[in-house]
All heavy atoms as atom14 arrays in JSON, in Angstrom:
{
  "sequence": "SRNKLCRNCLKPGHNPRMCEGGTCHHCHQKHHSMLHNDQMRSSVPQ",
  "atom14_mask": [
    [1, 1, 1, 1, 1, 1, 0, 0, 0, 0, 0, 0, 0, 0],
    [1, 1, 1, 1, 1, 1, 1, 1, 1, 1, 1, 0, 0, 0],
    [1, 1, 1, 1, 1, 1, 1, 1, 0, 0, 0, 0, 0, 0],
    [1, 1, 1, 1, 1, 1, 1, 1, 1, 0, 0, 0, 0, 0],
    [1, 1, 1, 1, 1, 1, 1, 1, 0, 0, 0, 0, 0, 0],
    [1, 1, 1, 1, 1, 1, 0, 0, 0, 0, 0, 0, 0, 0],
    [1, 1, 1, 1, 1, 1, 1, 1, 1, 1, 1, 0, 0, 0],
    [1, 1, 1, 1, 1, 1, 1, 1, 0, 0, 0, 0, 0, 0],
    [1, 1, 1, 1, 1, 1, 0, 0, 0, 0, 0, 0, 0, 0],
    [1, 1, 1, 1, 1, 1, 1, 1, 0, 0, 0, 0, 0, 0],
    [1, 1, 1, 1, 1, 1, 1, 1, 1, 0, 0, 0, 0, 0],
    [1, 1, 1, 1, 1, 1, 1, 0, 0, 0, 0, 0, 0, 0],
    [1, 1, 1, 1, 0, 0, 0, 0, 0, 0, 0, 0, 0, 0],
    [1, 1, 1, 1, 1, 1, 1, 1, 1, 1, 0, 0, 0, 0],
    [1, 1, 1, 1, 1, 1, 1, 1, 0, 0, 0, 0, 0, 0],
    [1, 1, 1, 1, 1, 1, 1, 0, 0, 0, 0, 0, 0, 0],
    [1, 1, 1, 1, 1, 1, 1, 1, 1, 1, 1, 0, 0, 0],
    [1, 1, 1, 1, 1, 1, 1, 1, 0, 0, 0, 0, 0, 0],
    [1, 1, 1, 1, 1, 1, 0, 0, 0, 0, 0, 0, 0, 0],
    [1, 1, 1, 1, 1, 1, 1, 1, 1, 0, 0, 0, 0, 0],
    [1, 1, 1, 1, 0, 0, 0, 0, 0, 0, 0, 0, 0, 0],
    [1, 1, 1, 1, 0, 0, 0, 0, 0, 0, 0, 0, 0, 0],
    [1, 1, 1, 1, 1, 1, 1, 0, 0, 0, 0, 0, 0, 0],
    [1, 1, 1, 1, 1, 1, 0, 0, 0, 0, 0, 0, 0, 0],
    [1, 1, 1, 1, 1, 1, 1, 1, 1, 1, 0, 0, 0, 0],
    [1, 1, 1, 1, 1, 1, 1, 1, 1, 1, 0, 0, 0, 0],
    [1, 1, 1, 1, 1, 1, 0, 0, 0, 0, 0, 0, 0, 0],
    [1, 1, 1, 1, 1, 1, 1, 1, 1, 1, 0, 0, 0, 0],
    [1, 1, 1, 1, 1, 1, 1, 1, 1, 0, 0, 0, 0, 0],
    [1, 1, 1, 1, 1, 1, 1, 1, 1, 0, 0, 0, 0, 0],
    [1, 1, 1, 1, 1, 1, 1, 1, 1, 1, 0, 0, 0, 0],
    [1, 1, 1, 1, 1, 1, 1, 1, 1, 1, 0, 0, 0, 0],
    [1, 1, 1, 1, 1, 1, 0, 0, 0, 0, 0, 0, 0, 0],
    [1, 1, 1, 1, 1, 1, 1, 1, 0, 0, 0, 0, 0, 0],
    [1, 1, 1, 1, 1, 1, 1, 1, 0, 0, 0, 0, 0, 0],
    [1, 1, 1, 1, 1, 1, 1, 1, 1, 1, 0, 0, 0, 0],
    [1, 1, 1, 1, 1, 1, 1, 1, 0, 0, 0, 0, 0, 0],
    [1, 1, 1, 1, 1, 1, 1, 1, 0, 0, 0, 0, 0, 0],
    [1, 1, 1, 1, 1, 1, 1, 1, 1, 0, 0, 0, 0, 0],
    [1, 1, 1, 1, 1, 1, 1, 1, 0, 0, 0, 0, 0, 0],
    [1, 1, 1, 1, 1, 1, 1, 1, 1, 1, 1, 0, 0, 0],
    [1, 1, 1, 1, 1, 1, 0, 0, 0, 0, 0, 0, 0, 0],
    [1, 1, 1, 1, 1, 1, 0, 0, 0, 0, 0, 0, 0, 0],
    [1, 1, 1, 1, 1, 1, 1, 0, 0, 0, 0, 0, 0, 0],
    [1, 1, 1, 1, 1, 1, 1, 0, 0, 0, 0, 0, 0, 0],
    [1, 1, 1, 1, 1, 1, 1, 1, 1, 0, 0, 0, 0, 0]
  ],
  "atom14_positions": [
    [[7.04, -7.72, 8.22], [7.04, -7.61, 9.79], [7.97, -6.39, 10.15], [7.63, -5.68, 11.1], [7.56, -8.93, 10.39], [6.76, -10.01, 10.04], [0.0, 0.0, 0.0], [0.0, 0.0, 0.0], [0.0, 0.0, 0.0], [0.0, 0.0, 0.0], [0.0, 0.0, 0.0], [0.0, 0.0, 0.0], [0.0, 0.0, 0.0], [0.0, 0.0, 0.0]],
    [[9.14, -6.29, 9.4], [9.94, -5.19, 9.81], [9.41, -3.8, 9.6], [9.59, -2.87, 10.3], [11.23, -5.28, 8.96], [12.33, -4.22, 9.25], [13.64, -4.49, 8.62], [13.55, -4.65, 7.21], [13.52, -5.83, 6.51], [13.61, -7.04, 7.07], [13.45, -5.84, 5.14], [0.0, 0.0, 0.0], [0.0, 0.0, 0.0], [0.0, 0.0, 0.0]],
    [[8.54, -3.57, 8.48], [7.89, -2.38, 8.18], [6.5, -2.23, 8.84], [5.86, -1.27, 8.68], [7.65, -2.26, 6.69], [8.96, -2.0, 6.01], [9.56, -0.94, 6.0], [9.47, -3.09, 5.41], [0.0, 0.0, 0.0], [0.0, 0.0, 0.0], [0.0, 0.0, 0.0], [0.0, 0.0, 0.0], [0.0, 0.0, 0.0], [0.0, 0.0, 0.0]],
    [[6.17, -3.24, 9.78], [4.92, -3.14, 10.55], [3.72, -2.96, 9.57], [2.83, -2.11, 9.75], [4.96, -2.11, 11.58], [6.03, -2.32, 12.61], [5.98, -1.29, 13.64], [7.09, -1.42, 14.73], [7.17, -0.33, 15.7], [0.0, 0.0, 0.0], [0.0, 0.0, 0.0], [0.0, 0.0, 0.0], [0.0, 0.0, 0.0], [0.0, 0.0, 0.0]],
    [[3.68, -3.87, 8.58], [2.51, -3.77, 7.59], [1.59, -4.81, 7.83], [1.84, -5.88, 8.44], [3.21, -3.89, 6.2], [4.27, -2.98, 5.71], [4.69, -3.29, 4.31], [3.85, -1.5, 5.87], [0.0, 0.0, 0.0], [0.0, 0.0, 0.0], [0.0, 0.0, 0.0], [0.0, 0.0, 0.0], [0.0, 0.0, 0.0], [0.0, 0.0, 0.0]],
    [[0.34, -4.61, 7.35], [-0.79, -5.72, 7.39], [-0.37, -6.82, 6.48], [-0.07, -6.64, 5.32], [-2.13, -5.1, 7.05], [-3.43, -6.22, 6.88], [0.0, 0.0, 0.0], [0.0, 0.0, 0.0], [0.0, 0.0, 0.0], [0.0, 0.0, 0.0], [0.0, 0.0, 0.0], [0.0, 0.0, 0.0], [0.0, 0.0, 0.0], [0.0, 0.0, 0.0]],
    [[-0.41, -8.01, 6.96], [-0.07, -9.16, 6.15], [-1.09, -9.47, 5.06], [-0.83, -10.28, 4.18], [0.14, -10.49, 7.02], [1.41, -10.39, 7.86], [1.44, -11.62, 8.76], [1.25, -12.86, 8.01], [2.32, -13.41, 7.23], [3.46, -12.95, 7.28], [1.99, -14.54, 6.6], [0.0, 0.0, 0.0], [0.0, 0.0, 0.0], [0.0, 0.0, 0.0]],
    [[-2.24, -8.8, 5.2], [-3.32, -9.08, 4.18], [-3.23, -8.14, 2.93], [-3.49, -8.59, 1.9], [-4.55, -9.13, 4.85], [-5.68, -9.62, 3.96], [-5.67, -10.67, 3.43], [-6.78, -8.85, 3.86], [0.0, 0.0, 0.0], [0.0, 0.0, 0.0], [0.0, 0.0, 0.0], [0.0, 0.0, 0.0], [0.0, 0.0, 0.0], [0.0, 0.0, 0.0]],
    [[-3.06, -6.88, 3.22], [-3.12, -5.86, 2.17], [-1.76, -5.13, 2.05], [-1.56, -4.3, 1.14], [-4.15, -4.81, 2.45], [-3.93, -3.79, 3.94], [0.0, 0.0, 0.0], [0.0, 0.0, 0.0], [0.0, 0.0, 0.0], [0.0, 0.0, 0.0], [0.0, 0.0, 0.0], [0.0, 0.0, 0.0], [0.0, 0.0, 0.0], [0.0, 0.0, 0.0]],
    [[-0.71, -5.46, 2.94], [0.57, -4.85, 2.79], [0.55, -3.31, 2.99], [1.32, -2.6, 2.33], [1.24, -5.24, 1.56], [1.39, -6.79, 1.17], [2.16, -7.0, -0.07], [2.09, -7.39, 2.44], [0.0, 0.0, 0.0], [0.0, 0.0, 0.0], [0.0, 0.0, 0.0], [0.0, 0.0, 0.0], [0.0, 0.0, 0.0], [0.0, 0.0, 0.0]],
    [[-0.37, -2.87, 3.81], [-0.46, -1.42, 4.1], [-0.28, -1.24, 5.65], [-0.73, -2.03, 6.41], [-1.66, -0.78, 3.59], [-1.84, -0.83, 2.08], [-3.15, -0.27, 1.6], [-3.38, -0.3, 0.11], [-4.64, 0.29, -0.32], [0.0, 0.0, 0.0], [0.0, 0.0, 0.0], [0.0, 0.0, 0.0], [0.0, 0.0, 0.0], [0.0, 0.0, 0.0]],
    [[0.27, -0.06, 6.09], [0.38, 0.1, 7.52], [-0.87, 0.59, 8.15], [-1.86, 0.98, 7.47], [1.53, 1.1, 7.56], [1.35, 1.96, 6.32], [0.88, 0.9, 5.33], [0.0, 0.0, 0.0], [0.0, 0.0, 0.0], [0.0, 0.0, 0.0], [0.0, 0.0, 0.0], [0.0, 0.0, 0.0], [0.0, 0.0, 0.0], [0.0, 0.0, 0.0]],
    [[-0.92, 0.64, 9.52], [-2.03, 1.3, 10.17], [-3.0, 0.32, 10.65], [-3.93, 0.74, 11.56], [0.0, 0.0, 0.0], [0.0, 0.0, 0.0], [0.0, 0.0, 0.0], [0.0, 0.0, 0.0], [0.0, 0.0, 0.0], [0.0, 0.0, 0.0], [0.0, 0.0, 0.0], [0.0, 0.0, 0.0], [0.0, 0.0, 0.0], [0.0, 0.0, 0.0]],
    [[-3.06, -1.01, 10.49], [-3.96, -1.97, 11.0], [-3.33, -3.37, 10.99], [-2.33, -3.57, 10.35], [-5.34, -1.87, 10.37], [-5.26, -2.15, 8.85], [-4.86, -1.08, 8.01], [-5.49, -3.25, 8.11], [-4.87, -1.68, 6.8], [-5.25, -2.99, 6.87], [0.0, 0.0, 0.0], [0.0, 0.0, 0.0], [0.0, 0.0, 0.0], [0.0, 0.0, 0.0]],
    [[-4.05, -4.24, 11.58], [-3.57, -5.74, 11.52], [-4.5, -6.48, 10.62], [-5.62, -6.0, 10.23], [-3.59, -6.33, 12.99], [-4.87, -6.08, 13.63], [-5.94, -6.24, 13.07], [-4.8, -5.8, 14.91], [0.0, 0.0, 0.0], [0.0, 0.0, 0.0], [0.0, 0.0, 0.0], [0.0, 0.0, 0.0], [0.0, 0.0, 0.0], [0.0, 0.0, 0.0]],
    [[-4.14, -7.7, 10.26], [-4.97, -8.51, 9.38], [-6.4, -8.77, 9.84], [-7.35, -8.9, 9.02], [-4.19, -9.79, 9.16], [-2.79, -9.45, 9.51], [-2.92, -8.33, 10.51], [0.0, 0.0, 0.0], [0.0, 0.0, 0.0], [0.0, 0.0, 0.0], [0.0, 0.0, 0.0], [0.0, 0.0, 0.0], [0.0, 0.0, 0.0], [0.0, 0.0, 0.0]],
    [[-6.66, -8.89, 11.23], [-7.83, -9.15, 11.74], [-8.86, -8.04, 11.44], [-10.1, -8.25, 11.21], [-7.72, -9.42, 13.2], [-9.06, -9.89, 13.92], [-8.83, -10.16, 15.3], [-7.97, -11.27, 15.51], [-7.57, -11.71, 16.69], [-7.88, -11.14, 17.8], [-6.78, -12.78, 16.77], [0.0, 0.0, 0.0], [0.0, 0.0, 0.0], [0.0, 0.0, 0.0]],
    [[-8.38, -6.81, 11.48], [-9.24, -5.66, 11.18], [-9.23, -5.35, 9.72], [-9.9, -4.34, 9.28], [-8.73, -4.5, 12.01], [-8.63, -4.71, 13.55], [-10.29, -5.03, 14.22], [-11.09, -3.45, 13.93], [0.0, 0.0, 0.0], [0.0, 0.0, 0.0], [0.0, 0.0, 0.0], [0.0, 0.0, 0.0], [0.0, 0.0, 0.0], [0.0, 0.0, 0.0]],
    [[-8.46, -5.95, 8.83], [-8.33, -5.5, 7.48], [-9.64, -5.83, 6.72], [-10.21, -6.98, 6.85], [-7.21, -6.29, 6.74], [-6.92, -5.75, 5.09], [0.0, 0.0, 0.0], [0.0, 0.0, 0.0], [0.0, 0.0, 0.0], [0.0, 0.0, 0.0], [0.0, 0.0, 0.0], [0.0, 0.0, 0.0], [0.0, 0.0, 0.0], [0.0, 0.0, 0.0]],
    [[-10.01, -4.99, 5.87], [-11.27, -5.22, 5.06], [-10.96, -5.65, 3.58], [-11.79, -5.6, 2.75], [-12.1, -3.99, 5.01], [-12.62, -3.54, 6.35], [-13.62, -2.35, 6.29], [-13.58, -1.68, 5.31], [-14.25, -1.97, 7.33], [0.0, 0.0, 0.0], [0.0, 0.0, 0.0], [0.0, 0.0, 0.0], [0.0, 0.0, 0.0], [0.0, 0.0, 0.0]],
    [[-9.69, -5.88, 3.35], [-9.32, -6.28, 1.98], [-9.65, -7.83, 1.81], [-10.27, -8.44, 2.58], [0.0, 0.0, 0.0], [0.0, 0.0, 0.0], [0.0, 0.0, 0.0], [0.0, 0.0, 0.0], [0.0, 0.0, 0.0], [0.0, 0.0, 0.0], [0.0, 0.0, 0.0], [0.0, 0.0, 0.0], [0.0, 0.0, 0.0], [0.0, 0.0, 0.0]],
    [[-9.31, -8.16, 0.66], [-9.61, -9.57, 0.19], [-8.72, -10.59, 0.87], [-8.04, -10.33, 1.88], [0.0, 0.0, 0.0], [0.0, 0.0, 0.0], [0.0, 0.0, 0.0], [0.0, 0.0, 0.0], [0.0, 0.0, 0.0], [0.0, 0.0, 0.0], [0.0, 0.0, 0.0], [0.0, 0.0, 0.0], [0.0, 0.0, 0.0], [0.0, 0.0, 0.0]],
    [[-8.83, -11.81, 0.4], [-7.99, -12.92, 0.95], [-7.09, -13.44, -0.05], [-7.07, -13.0, -1.22], [-8.89, -13.96, 1.47], [-9.74, -14.42, 0.36], [-9.81, -13.51, 2.6], [0.0, 0.0, 0.0], [0.0, 0.0, 0.0], [0.0, 0.0, 0.0], [0.0, 0.0, 0.0], [0.0, 0.0, 0.0], [0.0, 0.0, 0.0], [0.0, 0.0, 0.0]],
    [[-6.29, -14.4, 0.31], [-5.31, -14.96, -0.61], [-5.96, -15.7, -1.78], [-7.02, -16.41, -1.51], [-4.43, -15.9, 0.13], [-3.27, -16.93, -0.87], [0.0, 0.0, 0.0], [0.0, 0.0, 0.0], [0.0, 0.0, 0.0], [0.0, 0.0, 0.0], [0.0, 0.0, 0.0], [0.0, 0.0, 0.0], [0.0, 0.0, 0.0], [0.0, 0.0, 0.0]],
    [[-5.44, -15.5, -3.0], [-6.11, -16.15, -4.15], [-5.9, -17.59, -4.21], [-6.63, -18.33, -4.91], [-5.54, -15.52, -5.44], [-5.82, -14.05, -5.62], [-7.01, -13.49, -5.29], [-4.94, -12.98, -5.89], [-6.93, -12.14, -5.44], [-5.71, -11.87, -5.82], [0.0, 0.0, 0.0], [0.0, 0.0, 0.0], [0.0, 0.0, 0.0], [0.0, 0.0, 0.0]],
    [[-4.93, -18.08, -3.35], [-4.64, -19.63, -3.48], [-5.42, -20.33, -2.41], [-5.94, -21.45, -2.8], [-3.1, -19.78, -3.3], [-2.32, -18.91, -4.21], [-2.18, -19.27, -5.56], [-1.53, -17.79, -4.03], [-1.36, -18.31, -6.1], [-0.98, -17.43, -5.24], [0.0, 0.0, 0.0], [0.0, 0.0, 0.0], [0.0, 0.0, 0.0], [0.0, 0.0, 0.0]],
    [[-5.33, -19.85, -1.23], [-5.98, -20.59, -0.07], [-7.14, -19.87, 0.68], [-7.72, -20.34, 1.58], [-4.99, -21.0, 0.91], [-4.11, -19.66, 1.67], [0.0, 0.0, 0.0], [0.0, 0.0, 0.0], [0.0, 0.0, 0.0], [0.0, 0.0, 0.0], [0.0, 0.0, 0.0], [0.0, 0.0, 0.0], [0.0, 0.0, 0.0], [0.0, 0.0, 0.0]],
    [[-7.39, -18.64, 0.18], [-8.49, -17.81, 0.81], [-8.33, -17.59, 2.21], [-9.24, -17.49, 2.98], [-9.82, -18.41, 0.47], [-10.11, -18.74, -0.97], [-10.34, -17.71, -1.8], [-10.18, -19.91, -1.61], [-10.48, -18.25, -3.04], [-10.39, -19.64, -2.95], [0.0, 0.0, 0.0], [0.0, 0.0, 0.0], [0.0, 0.0, 0.0], [0.0, 0.0, 0.0]],
    [[-7.01, -17.54, 2.69], [-6.72, -17.17, 4.11], [-6.42, -15.69, 4.15], [-6.16, -15.0, 3.22], [-5.64, -18.05, 4.66], [-5.86, -19.51, 4.59], [-7.02, -19.91, 5.53], [-7.19, -19.37, 6.67], [-7.9, -20.82, 4.98], [0.0, 0.0, 0.0], [0.0, 0.0, 0.0], [0.0, 0.0, 0.0], [0.0, 0.0, 0.0], [0.0, 0.0, 0.0]],
    [[-6.3, -15.12, 5.37], [-6.08, -13.77, 5.63], [-4.61, -13.43, 5.56], [-3.9, -13.12, 6.5], [-6.6, -13.35, 7.02], [-8.05, -13.02, 7.14], [-8.32, -11.65, 6.44], [-9.73, -11.14, 6.54], [-10.01, -9.83, 5.96], [0.0, 0.0, 0.0], [0.0, 0.0, 0.0], [0.0, 0.0, 0.0], [0.0, 0.0, 0.0], [0.0, 0.0, 0.0]],
    [[-4.04, -13.52, 4.39], [-2.74, -13.05, 3.97], [-2.68, -12.8, 2.58], [-3.46, -13.2, 1.76], [-1.69, -14.06, 4.42], [-1.75, -15.45, 3.8], [-2.33, -16.47, 4.38], [-1.52, -15.81, 2.5], [-2.39, -17.52, 3.47], [-1.86, -17.08, 2.37], [0.0, 0.0, 0.0], [0.0, 0.0, 0.0], [0.0, 0.0, 0.0], [0.0, 0.0, 0.0]],
    [[-1.75, -12.01, 2.2], [-1.42, -11.5, 0.79], [-1.2, -12.75, -0.06], [-0.41, -13.63, 0.38], [-0.45, -10.33, 0.79], [-0.55, -9.47, -0.49], [0.09, -9.91, -1.72], [-1.25, -8.4, -0.74], [-0.21, -9.01, -2.61], [-1.05, -8.07, -2.01], [0.0, 0.0, 0.0], [0.0, 0.0, 0.0], [0.0, 0.0, 0.0], [0.0, 0.0, 0.0]],
    [[-1.49, -12.68, -1.28], [-1.23, -13.74, -2.27], [0.29, -13.89, -2.44], [0.86, -15.02, -2.68], [-1.85, -13.51, -3.6], [-3.33, -13.38, -3.45], [0.0, 0.0, 0.0], [0.0, 0.0, 0.0], [0.0, 0.0, 0.0], [0.0, 0.0, 0.0], [0.0, 0.0, 0.0], [0.0, 0.0, 0.0], [0.0, 0.0, 0.0], [0.0, 0.0, 0.0]],
    [[1.05, -12.76, -2.42], [2.47, -12.73, -2.56], [3.28, -13.34, -1.38], [4.43, -13.55, -1.33], [3.01, -11.43, -2.94], [2.46, -10.88, -4.22], [3.25, -9.32, -4.77], [4.93, -9.97, -5.2], [0.0, 0.0, 0.0], [0.0, 0.0, 0.0], [0.0, 0.0, 0.0], [0.0, 0.0, 0.0], [0.0, 0.0, 0.0], [0.0, 0.0, 0.0]],
    [[2.5, -13.6, -0.26], [3.06, -14.13, 0.91], [2.63, -15.6, 1.11], [2.98, -16.24, 2.15], [2.67, -13.34, 2.25], [3.03, -11.87, 2.3], [2.6, -11.33, 3.58], [4.51, -11.8, 2.17], [0.0, 0.0, 0.0], [0.0, 0.0, 0.0], [0.0, 0.0, 0.0], [0.0, 0.0, 0.0], [0.0, 0.0, 0.0], [0.0, 0.0, 0.0]],
    [[1.93, -16.16, 0.09], [1.43, -17.59, 0.19], [2.57, -18.58, 0.05], [3.43, -18.35, -0.87], [0.34, -17.77, -0.9], [-0.11, -19.2, -0.87], [-1.01, -19.66, 0.16], [0.2, -20.18, -1.78], [-1.2, -21.0, -0.2], [-0.52, -21.37, -1.34], [0.0, 0.0, 0.0], [0.0, 0.0, 0.0], [0.0, 0.0, 0.0], [0.0, 0.0, 0.0]],
    [[2.54, -19.52, 0.86], [3.44, -20.66, 0.74], [2.71, -21.96, 0.61], [1.78, -22.27, 1.47], [4.44, -20.63, 1.97], [5.5, -21.64, 1.86], [5.69, -22.44, 0.94], [6.49, -21.53, 2.7], [0.0, 0.0, 0.0], [0.0, 0.0, 0.0], [0.0, 0.0, 0.0], [0.0, 0.0, 0.0], [0.0, 0.0, 0.0], [0.0, 0.0, 0.0]],
    [[3.12, -22.82, -0.33], [2.37, -24.12, -0.48], [2.55, -24.98, 0.76], [1.75, -25.95, 0.91], [2.92, -24.86, -1.73], [2.5, -24.14, -2.97], [1.58, -23.35, -2.94], [3.2, -24.12, -4.01], [0.0, 0.0, 0.0], [0.0, 0.0, 0.0], [0.0, 0.0, 0.0], [0.0, 0.0, 0.0], [0.0, 0.0, 0.0], [0.0, 0.0, 0.0]],
    [[3.5, -24.71, 1.57], [3.59, -25.59, 2.77], [2.9, -25.1, 3.97], [3.07, -25.63, 5.04], [5.18, -25.66, 3.1], [6.01, -26.36, 1.98], [7.47, -26.29, 2.25], [7.89, -25.84, 3.31], [8.26, -26.91, 1.44], [0.0, 0.0, 0.0], [0.0, 0.0, 0.0], [0.0, 0.0, 0.0], [0.0, 0.0, 0.0], [0.0, 0.0, 0.0]],
    [[2.2, -24.04, 3.74], [1.4, -23.38, 4.9], [0.44, -24.44, 5.53], [0.32, -24.6, 6.73], [0.73, -22.18, 4.58], [1.66, -20.96, 4.45], [0.7, -19.46, 4.08], [2.12, -18.29, 4.19], [0.0, 0.0, 0.0], [0.0, 0.0, 0.0], [0.0, 0.0, 0.0], [0.0, 0.0, 0.0], [0.0, 0.0, 0.0], [0.0, 0.0, 0.0]],
    [[-0.31, -25.17, 4.68], [-1.29, -26.14, 5.13], [-0.64, -27.31, 5.9], [-1.04, -27.82, 6.93], [-2.2, -26.65, 3.96], [-3.06, -25.64, 3.43], [-4.02, -26.17, 2.42], [-4.95, -25.27, 1.9], [-6.16, -25.04, 2.42], [-6.58, -25.69, 3.49], [-6.92, -24.13, 1.92], [0.0, 0.0, 0.0], [0.0, 0.0, 0.0], [0.0, 0.0, 0.0]],
    [[0.46, -27.82, 5.25], [1.09, -29.06, 5.89], [1.91, -28.68, 7.09], [2.26, -29.52, 7.87], [2.08, -29.58, 4.81], [3.08, -28.73, 4.39], [0.0, 0.0, 0.0], [0.0, 0.0, 0.0], [0.0, 0.0, 0.0], [0.0, 0.0, 0.0], [0.0, 0.0, 0.0], [0.0, 0.0, 0.0], [0.0, 0.0, 0.0], [0.0, 0.0, 0.0]],
    [[2.2, -27.39, 7.23], [2.95, -27.0, 8.45], [2.07, -26.92, 9.73], [2.61, -26.82, 10.8], [3.6, -25.65, 8.12], [2.53, -24.57, 8.04], [0.0, 0.0, 0.0], [0.0, 0.0, 0.0], [0.0, 0.0, 0.0], [0.0, 0.0, 0.0], [0.0, 0.0, 0.0], [0.0, 0.0, 0.0], [0.0, 0.0, 0.0], [0.0, 0.0, 0.0]],
    [[0.82, -27.1, 9.53], [-0.04, -27.11, 10.71], [0.08, -28.42, 11.47], [0.02, -29.53, 10.81], [-1.52, -26.94, 10.28], [-2.5, -26.94, 11.56], [-1.69, -25.61, 9.55], [0.0, 0.0, 0.0], [0.0, 0.0, 0.0], [0.0, 0.0, 0.0], [0.0, 0.0, 0.0], [0.0, 0.0, 0.0], [0.0, 0.0, 0.0], [0.0, 0.0, 0.0]],
    [[0.3, -28.47, 12.84], [0.54, -29.68, 13.47], [-0.64, -30.61, 13.27], [-1.87, -30.15, 13.35], [0.63, -29.28, 14.94], [1.07, -27.76, 14.81], [0.43, -27.18, 13.59], [0.0, 0.0, 0.0], [0.0, 0.0, 0.0], [0.0, 0.0, 0.0], [0.0, 0.0, 0.0], [0.0, 0.0, 0.0], [0.0, 0.0, 0.0], [0.0, 0.0, 0.0]],
    [[-0.46, -31.9, 13.06], [-1.52, -32.92, 12.87], [-2.33, -33.13, 14.09], [-3.4, -33.53, 14.09], [-0.92, -34.14, 12.34], [-0.19, -34.13, 10.99], [-1.2, -33.8, 9.99], [-2.38, -34.13, 9.99], [-0.73, -33.0, 8.93], [0.0, 0.0, 0.0], [0.0, 0.0, 0.0], [0.0, 0.0, 0.0], [0.0, 0.0, 0.0], [0.0, 0.0, 0.0]]
  ]
}
């Protein structure tokens, strides 16, 4: 966030919604695999 990088490919110049890169290898969501947290699913309000 501090470097204003895309959370999906970790490159500047665009946002994850416009990113054409792949998805997370763990949950297949629009974020980089190195930003994946196992608590991401449980953190969603029931």
